[in-house]
Amino acid sequence: MQHTLVAVFDNRTDAQDAMNKLLSSGFSAQDVRLSSSDTSANTTTTTTTTGADTGVGSSIKNFFSDLFGSDDDEHATRYQGAVSGGKNVITVTADSLEEVERAADIVESFGPIDIDEHSSGMGASGAMLASSQSGMSSSSMSAQSATSQNQSALTSSSMQRDTATQSIPVVEEQLKVGKREVQRGGVRIFSRVVETPVNETVALREEHVDVQRRTVNQPISPADAAVFKEQTIEMRESAEEAVVEKSARVVEEVVISKEVNQRQENITDTVRHTEVEVERLGAVGTASMQDDSYYRTHFQSNYGTSGGTYDDYAPAYTYGSQMRGQYSGRQWEDVETDLRTDWETHHASATGSTWEKMKAAVRHGWDRMTDDNSTGRSY
């Protein structure tokens, strides 16, 4: 099923910026179309992403007739009149309703006009003012869900989309702590044989046989009578030599063991959960009229002599009250930087008012909602 979003702008620059934002947000160039009408020449042009203008004449009117179908001639006529009246129209085609909703959120920040208010005879600024006072966005968009046999129109707004059923999931994270074994290092032992030179001194004894001949001249004695017989005398020599003997002894042990101990570790982390706050909305009209009267009185007291008009400051009052609801529970000082960035990006160019000029009015709208919430006052 194909879905189409239609947004109408008074200012072509805003329309071009919105189209550029859509393209940078991931939408295809073939699915985004910017159409405008030149009232002086009674011609209608369509701007593609390449920047070339191609005359398409009355085909734009036929496009809206096909888009809204023959059963919704009044809605189609409004958009045909907007194009013929010099307005700039952006159409976005997507395959899902979620993508169309995302495109609507992007386009709304660039200030499209309220086509229903505009068609009833009010100017663009009047439509914006009335929408701001009622707490609604000043934009009006139509999201089209189309099939080959039937097409129907879906109108979207920035602050409220009415459907049969909507839901916000409430999500909560849970923390589970387990254990796993990891390697933290260890010890490896090597053994090797090392030879070390050793010097020892030992005394060795040697025997040598010495033979001497001596001249003797004496008479033979009776004891020497036996010398005339054969005999043998033997004397042996001896010597000592070094003998080396080695023995091995265990002189030391290297023992490897593991010591096991347990420790307690405190795990600190964060878990997220979704909190849903329900704010009861009052009836449209009464509260808006009271807010408008209150802000007009405040404007006259504080800015009436500044040379500006209430219409210049009304968007700032409304912006402050809306942001108070969006940042419920947070202090002004914590979100001021974010509010300034958002204002300068999406609102300053549309209203022509800088943050420094409108900061006090935004803060007053913020404080008014804070006071109302703290006292429990409702409208």
Foldseek 3Di string as FASTA:
>chain_A
DKKKKKWKAADVVLVVVLQVVLVVVPADQVFKKKKAADLVVQWIWIQGPVGDTDTDGCVQLVVLCVQADPVPVVVSVLVVVRRNVGIMMMMGMDDDPVVNVVSQLSSLLSQTAASVVVVVPDDRLVLCLVQLLLLWGRIKMWMWDDDPVDIHIAIDTNPDHDDPDDDDDKDWDDDDDDDDDDDDDDDDDDDDDDDDDDDDDDDKDWFDDDDDDDDDDDDDDPVCPVVPDDDDDDDDIGMDDDDDDDDDDDDDDDDDDDDDDDDDDDDDDDMDIDDDDDDDADDGDPVSVVVVVVQQVVCCVPPVPVPDDVSLQSVLLSQLLVVLVVPPPDDCVVCVVVSQVSCVVRPCVVSVDHCVRRVVSSVVSNVVNVVCVVVVPHD
